[in-house]
Amino acid sequence: MCDHAPACPPAASPGHDAARVVITHPEQGWSLLCNGVVTFDDTGELLPDGRAVPPHRPAIRRRSAVLPR
C-alpha cells in the first residue's frame, strides 16, 4: 500500500503504527494506515492478517486523596 518515500514500516514490524494515515474516521474512532493497519482511538489495532492488538495505553497511576487537617 505504501508508495511514498521513505516507505512506512511494514505491518509486521514493531514500529508499524508510525505509518502514515490514509483514511480517518474520527466519528467512528478508527484510522487506516498506509501499511494496512487499522488503529482505534483506544490504541488497539487490527493488523492486515486479521490479528488484533489489544489497547496499549500507558497505565494511569492514581494518587490516593490526602485530606488536609
PDB file of N, CA and C in Angstrom:
ATOM      1  N   MET A   1       0.798  -1.193   0.000  1.00  0.00           N
ATOM      2  CA  MET A   1       0.000   0.000   0.000  1.00  0.00           C
ATOM      3  C   MET A   1       0.843   1.261   0.000  1.00  0.00           C
ATOM      4  N   CYS A   2       1.973   1.243   0.639  1.00  0.00           N
ATOM      5  CA  CYS A   2       2.809   2.428   0.803  1.00  0.00           C
ATOM      6  C   CYS A   2       3.619   2.679  -0.460  1.00  0.00           C
ATOM      7  N   ASP A   3       3.366   3.814  -1.103  1.00  0.00           N
ATOM      8  CA  ASP A   3       4.115   4.112  -2.332  1.00  0.00           C
ATOM      9  C   ASP A   3       4.864   5.429  -2.243  1.00  0.00           C
ATOM     10  N   HIS A   4       5.064   5.964  -1.050  1.00  0.00           N
ATOM     11  CA  HIS A   4       5.824   7.196  -0.900  1.00  0.00           C
ATOM     12  C   HIS A   4       7.210   6.885  -0.342  1.00  0.00           C
ATOM     13  N   ALA A   5       8.109   7.862  -0.401  1.00  0.00           N
ATOM     14  CA  ALA A   5       9.468   7.651   0.083  1.00  0.00           C
ATOM     15  C   ALA A   5       9.735   8.617   1.223  1.00  0.00           C
ATOM     16  N   PRO A   6      10.372   8.207   2.274  1.00  0.00           N
ATOM     17  CA  PRO A   6      10.734   6.829   2.566  1.00  0.00           C
ATOM     18  C   PRO A   6       9.493   6.000   2.891  1.00  0.00           C
ATOM     19  N   ALA A   7       9.612   4.736   2.622  1.00  0.00           N
ATOM     20  CA  ALA A   7       8.477   3.826   2.846  1.00  0.00           C
ATOM     21  C   ALA A   7       8.173   3.701   4.333  1.00  0.00           C
ATOM     22  N   CYS A   8       6.908   3.546   4.637  1.00  0.00           N
ATOM     23  CA  CYS A   8       6.484   3.361   6.029  1.00  0.00           C
ATOM     24  C   CYS A   8       6.851   1.954   6.491  1.00  0.00           C
ATOM     25  N   PRO A   9       6.952   1.773   7.815  1.00  0.00           N
ATOM     26  CA  PRO A   9       7.272   0.441   8.319  1.00  0.00           C
ATOM     27  C   PRO A   9       6.167  -0.550   7.965  1.00  0.00           C
ATOM     28  N   PRO A  10       6.534  -1.772   7.599  1.00  0.00           N
ATOM     29  CA  PRO A  10       5.519  -2.774   7.271  1.00  0.00           C
ATOM     30  C   PRO A  10       4.693  -3.154   8.499  1.00  0.00           C
ATOM     31  N   ALA A  11       3.533  -3.723   8.255  1.00  0.00           N
ATOM     32  CA  ALA A  11       2.607  -4.085   9.334  1.00  0.00           C
ATOM     33  C   ALA A  11       3.216  -5.080  10.315  1.00  0.00           C
ATOM     34  N   ALA A  12       4.154  -5.908   9.879  1.00  0.00           N
ATOM     35  CA  ALA A  12       4.752  -6.922  10.748  1.00  0.00           C
ATOM     36  C   ALA A  12       5.882  -6.374  11.623  1.00  0.00           C
ATOM     37  N   SER A  13       6.316  -5.135  11.395  1.00  0.00           N
ATOM     38  CA  SER A  13       7.431  -4.585  12.161  1.00  0.00           C
ATOM     39  C   SER A  13       6.949  -3.992  13.483  1.00  0.00           C
ATOM     40  N   PRO A  14       7.842  -3.914  14.469  1.00  0.00           N
ATOM     41  CA  PRO A  14       7.448  -3.360  15.768  1.00  0.00           C
ATOM     42  C   PRO A  14       6.963  -1.906  15.690  1.00  0.00           C
ATOM     43  N   GLY A  15       7.461  -1.128  14.761  1.00  0.00           N
ATOM     44  CA  GLY A  15       7.085   0.277  14.641  1.00  0.00           C
ATOM     45  C   GLY A  15       5.986   0.526  13.630  1.00  0.00           C
ATOM     46  N   HIS A  16       5.135  -0.465  13.385  1.00  0.00           N
ATOM     47  CA  HIS A  16       4.133  -0.360  12.324  1.00  0.00           C
ATOM     48  C   HIS A  16       3.151   0.783  12.513  1.00  0.00           C
ATOM     49  N   ASP A  17       2.956   1.237  13.745  1.00  0.00           N
ATOM     50  CA  ASP A  17       1.993   2.312  13.970  1.00  0.00           C
ATOM     51  C   ASP A  17       2.542   3.694  13.616  1.00  0.00           C
ATOM     52  N   ALA A  18       3.785   3.763  13.120  1.00  0.00           N
ATOM     53  CA  ALA A  18       4.366   5.026  12.669  1.00  0.00           C
ATOM     54  C   ALA A  18       4.045   5.310  11.199  1.00  0.00           C
ATOM     55  N   ALA A  19       3.308   4.431  10.556  1.00  0.00           N
ATOM     56  CA  ALA A  19       2.948   4.621   9.144  1.00  0.00           C
ATOM     57  C   ALA A  19       1.978   5.794   8.995  1.00  0.00           C
ATOM     58  N   ARG A  20       1.901   6.333   7.791  1.00  0.00           N
ATOM     59  CA  ARG A  20       1.015   7.464   7.509  1.00  0.00           C
ATOM     60  C   ARG A  20      -0.445   7.048   7.492  1.00  0.00           C
ATOM     61  N   VAL A  21      -1.286   7.961   7.942  1.00  0.00           N
ATOM     62  CA  VAL A  21      -2.732   7.746   7.904  1.00  0.00           C
ATOM     63  C   VAL A  21      -3.225   8.037   6.491  1.00  0.00           C
ATOM     64  N   VAL A  22      -3.995   7.102   5.915  1.00  0.00           N
ATOM     65  CA  VAL A  22      -4.553   7.322   4.573  1.00  0.00           C
ATOM     66  C   VAL A  22      -6.050   7.595   4.612  1.00  0.00           C
ATOM     67  N   ILE A  23      -6.739   7.055   5.604  1.00  0.00           N
ATOM     68  CA  ILE A  23      -8.166   7.304   5.793  1.00  0.00           C
ATOM     69  C   ILE A  23      -8.404   7.427   7.291  1.00  0.00           C
ATOM     70  N   THR A  24      -9.187   8.421   7.665  1.00  0.00           N
ATOM     71  CA  THR A  24      -9.521   8.565   9.080  1.00  0.00           C
ATOM     72  C   THR A  24     -11.019   8.780   9.237  1.00  0.00           C
ATOM     73  N   HIS A  25     -11.561   8.163  10.256  1.00  0.00           N
ATOM     74  CA  HIS A  25     -12.975   8.309  10.595  1.00  0.00           C
ATOM     75  C   HIS A  25     -13.065   8.589  12.090  1.00  0.00           C
ATOM     76  N   PRO A  26     -12.745   9.824  12.504  1.00  0.00           N
ATOM     77  CA  PRO A  26     -12.753  10.126  13.940  1.00  0.00           C
ATOM     78  C   PRO A  26     -14.129   9.963  14.579  1.00  0.00           C
ATOM     79  N   GLU A  27     -15.183  10.154  13.797  1.00  0.00           N
ATOM     80  CA  GLU A  27     -16.528   9.977  14.347  1.00  0.00           C
ATOM     81  C   GLU A  27     -16.812   8.521  14.679  1.00  0.00           C
ATOM     82  N   GLN A  28     -16.059   7.612  14.055  1.00  0.00           N
ATOM     83  CA  GLN A  28     -16.203   6.181  14.332  1.00  0.00           C
ATOM     84  C   GLN A  28     -15.051   5.647  15.176  1.00  0.00           C
ATOM     85  N   GLY A  29     -14.003   6.449  15.365  1.00  0.00           N
ATOM     86  CA  GLY A  29     -12.907   6.066  16.242  1.00  0.00           C
ATOM     87  C   GLY A  29     -11.831   5.200  15.629  1.00  0.00           C
ATOM     88  N   TRP A  30     -11.634   5.262  14.288  1.00  0.00           N
ATOM     89  CA  TRP A  30     -10.588   4.445  13.684  1.00  0.00           C
ATOM     90  C   TRP A  30      -9.922   5.169  12.527  1.00  0.00           C
ATOM     91  N   SER A  31      -8.706   4.715  12.197  1.00  0.00           N
ATOM     92  CA  SER A  31      -7.937   5.227  11.059  1.00  0.00           C
ATOM     93  C   SER A  31      -7.242   4.062  10.373  1.00  0.00           C
ATOM     94  N   LEU A  32      -7.085   4.180   9.050  1.00  0.00           N
ATOM     95  CA  LEU A  32      -6.351   3.186   8.262  1.00  0.00           C
ATOM     96  C   LEU A  32      -4.989   3.750   7.926  1.00  0.00           C
ATOM     97  N   LEU A  33      -3.945   3.001   8.224  1.00  0.00           N
ATOM     98  CA  LEU A  33      -2.581   3.403   7.902  1.00  0.00           C
ATOM     99  C   LEU A  33      -2.198   2.848   6.539  1.00  0.00           C
ATOM    100  N   CYS A  34      -1.186   3.434   5.915  1.00  0.00           N
ATOM    101  CA  CYS A  34      -0.815   3.013   4.564  1.00  0.00           C
ATOM    102  C   CYS A  34      -0.226   1.604   4.510  1.00  0.00           C
ATOM    103  N   ASN A  35       0.127   1.024   5.644  1.00  0.00           N
ATOM    104  CA  ASN A  35       0.626  -0.355   5.657  1.00  0.00           C
ATOM    105  C   ASN A  35      -0.487  -1.367   5.921  1.00  0.00           C
ATOM    106  N   GLY A  36      -1.746  -0.890   5.930  1.00  0.00           N
ATOM    107  CA  GLY A  36      -2.877  -1.783   6.097  1.00  0.00           C
ATOM    108  C   GLY A  36      -3.349  -1.984   7.519  1.00  0.00           C
ATOM    109  N   VAL A  37      -2.701  -1.374   8.481  1.00  0.00           N
ATOM    110  CA  VAL A  37      -3.080  -1.493   9.881  1.00  0.00           C
ATOM    111  C   VAL A  37      -4.234  -0.530  10.161  1.00  0.00           C
ATOM    112  N   VAL A  38      -5.234  -1.008  10.889  1.00  0.00           N
ATOM    113  CA  VAL A  38      -6.322  -0.147  11.344  1.00  0.00           C
ATOM    114  C   VAL A  38      -6.057   0.163  12.805  1.00  0.00           C
ATOM    115  N   THR A  39      -5.998   1.453  13.141  1.00  0.00           N
ATOM    116  CA  THR A  39      -5.790   1.862  14.532  1.00  0.00           C
ATOM    117  C   THR A  39      -7.088   2.417  15.088  1.00  0.00           C
ATOM    118  N   PHE A  40      -7.305   2.178  16.377  1.00  0.00           N
ATOM    119  CA  PHE A  40      -8.513   2.639  17.044  1.00  0.00           C
ATOM    120  C   PHE A  40      -8.167   3.669  18.107  1.00  0.00           C
ATOM    121  N   ASP A  41      -9.135   4.515  18.440  1.00  0.00           N
ATOM    122  CA  ASP A  41      -8.906   5.567  19.426  1.00  0.00           C
ATOM    123  C   ASP A  41      -8.467   5.044  20.788  1.00  0.00           C
ATOM    124  N   ASP A  42      -8.845   3.831  21.123  1.00  0.00           N
ATOM    125  CA  ASP A  42      -8.446   3.267  22.419  1.00  0.00           C
ATOM    126  C   ASP A  42      -7.043   2.675  22.372  1.00  0.00           C
ATOM    127  N   THR A  43      -6.311   2.885  21.284  1.00  0.00           N
ATOM    128  CA  THR A  43      -4.944   2.426  20.996  1.00  0.00           C
ATOM    129  C   THR A  43      -4.872   0.958  20.609  1.00  0.00           C
ATOM    130  N   GLY A  44      -5.997   0.302  20.431  1.00  0.00           N
ATOM    131  CA  GLY A  44      -5.993  -1.056  19.890  1.00  0.00           C
ATOM    132  C   GLY A  44      -5.736  -0.995  18.388  1.00  0.00           C
ATOM    133  N   GLU A  45      -5.388  -2.126  17.802  1.00  0.00           N
ATOM    134  CA  GLU A  45      -5.067  -2.181  16.371  1.00  0.00           C
ATOM    135  C   GLU A  45      -5.569  -3.482  15.767  1.00  0.00           C
ATOM    136  N   LEU A  46      -5.853  -3.435  14.502  1.00  0.00           N
ATOM    137  CA  LEU A  46      -6.200  -4.619  13.727  1.00  0.00           C
ATOM    138  C   LEU A  46      -5.188  -4.710  12.595  1.00  0.00           C
ATOM    139  N   LEU A  47      -4.425  -5.807  12.571  1.00  0.00           N
ATOM    140  CA  LEU A  47      -3.385  -5.995  11.559  1.00  0.00           C
ATOM    141  C   LEU A  47      -3.991  -6.573  10.286  1.00  0.00           C
ATOM    142  N   PRO A  48      -3.338  -6.371   9.138  1.00  0.00           N
ATOM    143  CA  PRO A  48      -3.882  -6.861   7.869  1.00  0.00           C
ATOM    144  C   PRO A  48      -4.136  -8.368   7.828  1.00  0.00           C
ATOM    145  N   ASP A  49      -3.395  -9.139   8.623  1.00  0.00           N
ATOM    146  CA  ASP A  49      -3.595 -10.592   8.624  1.00  0.00           C
ATOM    147  C   ASP A  49      -4.740 -11.033   9.539  1.00  0.00           C
ATOM    148  N   GLY A  50      -5.450 -10.061  10.141  1.00  0.00           N
ATOM    149  CA  GLY A  50      -6.593 -10.364  10.978  1.00  0.00           C
ATOM    150  C   GLY A  50      -6.306 -10.423  12.464  1.00  0.00           C
ATOM    151  N   ARG A  51      -5.033 -10.370  12.845  1.00  0.00           N
ATOM    152  CA  ARG A  51      -4.701 -10.387  14.274  1.00  0.00           C
ATOM    153  C   ARG A  51      -5.077  -9.059  14.915  1.00  0.00           C
ATOM    154  N   ALA A  52      -5.512  -9.118  16.147  1.00  0.00           N
ATOM    155  CA  ALA A  52      -5.866  -7.918  16.900  1.00  0.00           C
ATOM    156  C   ALA A  52      -4.771  -7.620  17.919  1.00  0.00           C
ATOM    157  N   VAL A  53      -4.444  -6.351  18.073  1.00  0.00           N
ATOM    158  CA  VAL A  53      -3.505  -5.893  19.093  1.00  0.00           C
ATOM    159  C   VAL A  53      -4.344  -5.169  20.137  1.00  0.00           C
ATOM    160  N   PRO A  54      -4.338  -5.651  21.377  1.00  0.00           N
ATOM    161  CA  PRO A  54      -5.175  -5.006  22.397  1.00  0.00           C
ATOM    162  C   PRO A  54      -4.698  -3.588  22.688  1.00  0.00           C
ATOM    163  N   PRO A  55      -5.563  -2.758  23.247  1.00  0.00           N
ATOM    164  CA  PRO A  55      -5.161  -1.398  23.599  1.00  0.00           C
ATOM    165  C   PRO A  55      -3.900  -1.404  24.451  1.00  0.00           C
ATOM    166  N   HIS A  56      -3.015  -0.458  24.187  1.00  0.00           N
ATOM    167  CA  HIS A  56      -1.748  -0.417  24.909  1.00  0.00           C
ATOM    168  C   HIS A  56      -1.443   0.985  25.415  1.00  0.00           C
ATOM    169  N   ARG A  57      -2.460   1.592  25.995  1.00  0.00           N
ATOM    170  CA  ARG A  57      -2.269   2.891  26.633  1.00  0.00           C
ATOM    171  C   ARG A  57      -1.374   2.703  27.843  1.00  0.00           C
ATOM    172  N   PRO A  58      -0.601   3.739  28.168  1.00  0.00           N
ATOM    173  CA  PRO A  58       0.202   3.631  29.391  1.00  0.00           C
ATOM    174  C   PRO A  58      -0.711   3.575  30.606  1.00  0.00           C
ATOM    175  N   ALA A  59      -0.277   2.858  31.597  1.00  0.00           N
ATOM    176  CA  ALA A  59      -1.065   2.736  32.824  1.00  0.00           C
ATOM    177  C   ALA A  59      -1.162   4.096  33.510  1.00  0.00           C
ATOM    178  N   ILE A  60      -2.331   4.380  34.035  1.00  0.00           N
ATOM    179  CA  ILE A  60      -2.533   5.640  34.753  1.00  0.00           C
ATOM    180  C   ILE A  60      -2.310   5.372  36.228  1.00  0.00           C
ATOM    181  N   ARG A  61      -1.431   6.145  36.792  1.00  0.00           N
ATOM    182  CA  ARG A  61      -1.155   5.999  38.221  1.00  0.00           C
ATOM    183  C   ARG A  61      -2.051   6.985  38.961  1.00  0.00           C
ATOM    184  N   ARG A  62      -2.837   6.472  39.873  1.00  0.00           N
ATOM    185  CA  ARG A  62      -3.747   7.317  40.643  1.00  0.00           C
ATOM    186  C   ARG A  62      -3.153   7.573  42.025  1.00  0.00           C
ATOM    187  N   ARG A  63      -3.253   8.818  42.425  1.00  0.00           N
ATOM    188  CA  ARG A  63      -2.817   9.176  43.766  1.00  0.00           C
ATOM    189  C   ARG A  63      -3.977   8.994  44.718  1.00  0.00           C
ATOM    190  N   SER A  64      -3.659   8.564  45.915  1.00  0.00           N
ATOM    191  CA  SER A  64      -4.711   8.480  46.914  1.00  0.00           C
ATOM    192  C   SER A  64      -4.952   9.891  47.449  1.00  0.00           C
ATOM    193  N   ALA A  65      -6.193  10.180  47.727  1.00  0.00           N
ATOM    194  CA  ALA A  65      -6.541  11.516  48.220  1.00  0.00           C
ATOM    195  C   ALA A  65      -6.028  11.699  49.638  1.00  0.00           C
ATOM    196  N   VAL A  66      -5.392  12.820  49.866  1.00  0.00           N
ATOM    197  CA  VAL A  66      -4.922  13.157  51.209  1.00  0.00           C
ATOM    198  C   VAL A  66      -5.725  14.367  51.646  1.00  0.00           C
ATOM    199  N   LEU A  67      -6.464  14.207  52.713  1.00  0.00           N
ATOM    200  CA  LEU A  67      -7.301  15.286  53.203  1.00  0.00           C
ATOM    201  C   LEU A  67      -6.505  16.194  54.123  1.00  0.00           C
ATOM    202  N   PRO A  68      -6.659  17.541  53.973  1.00  0.00           N
ATOM    203  CA  PRO A  68      -5.943  18.461  54.873  1.00  0.00           C
ATOM    204  C   PRO A  68      -6.490  18.359  56.284  1.00  0.00           C
ATOM    205  N   ARG A  69      -5.650  18.640  57.267  1.00  0.00           N
ATOM    206  CA  ARG A  69      -6.080  18.580  58.669  1.00  0.00           C
ATOM    207  C   ARG A  69      -6.518  19.916  59.146  1.00  0.00           C
TER     208      ARG A  69
END
